[in-house]
Amino acid sequence: MEWALSEAAGFDAGYAMTISPHVLKNHGHIDMLLEAIKNWDFLRYNQAFTEEQQARLRDPKTEWHLEKVDDTQYNLYQLNISDRYHCNLQELQPGQPAGSDWSIESPYSSNCAVRLYVDGDGSIKNPKVRTADGGMIVFPCTIEGGQYLLYEFSGEAVVTDKNYNVVKNIIPNGKLSLTEGTSNISFYCDRNEGSPEVVLRFITRSEPESVRVK
């Protein structure tokens, strides 16, 4: 959603959007999405973005996030969203720990958000992510097939259903951050039952740019 909104802001262009009543009623993040539309359009209407910012927003290969500070000030972040990383649990016995190692490129040194999805029948327990410098975060929870674990830059974490409705709030143990350049990262979890596949994406962000409405 914010990719499309950032393109509209970059080109100072209107757009058309459709949404079904079913989605409005059942999508767990609908209020967040509608707030994003409101904030991006408010800044675009008031010509709050500089020409230099608009030039970067127009780049279709970039991802952005906007946060409201108050009625006249907003923080603009450029995001780096990783590829999808997969950990297949099909060849393991129930209760046997699973793990995978990956290398991640990031243009930013920042704390890290995580999007984890359990794909298939079964569930996992206590997923954890470790970085090469010894940092580690543990999520003490069970995640069923078809559910997401969403870990935000704020340090908050939730498990949601397939429509992003919150199932439970999680208190993580530890923190997760990545450095600029290449980082080696390891993922572990306990296979609870079934043979799901775990799919993860990691998000880092730039320092905030201030956007003000005159």
Foldseek 3Di string as FASTA:
>chain_A
DQLVLLLCLLVLHDDDDDDDPVLVVQFQCNVVVVVSNVVSVVCSVLVQDDNVSSVVSNPSVWGKDWADPDPWKIWIKTKDKWDKDKWWQQVDDAQDKGKDKDKTADQAWAFKKKKKAWADAFKWAWKKKAWPVGFMKTWGDIAGHQWIWTQDSVRWIFIAHNSRNGPDTTRMDTTGIDHHGMIMMMMMIGGHDDIIMMIMMMMGIDDIDMGGRD
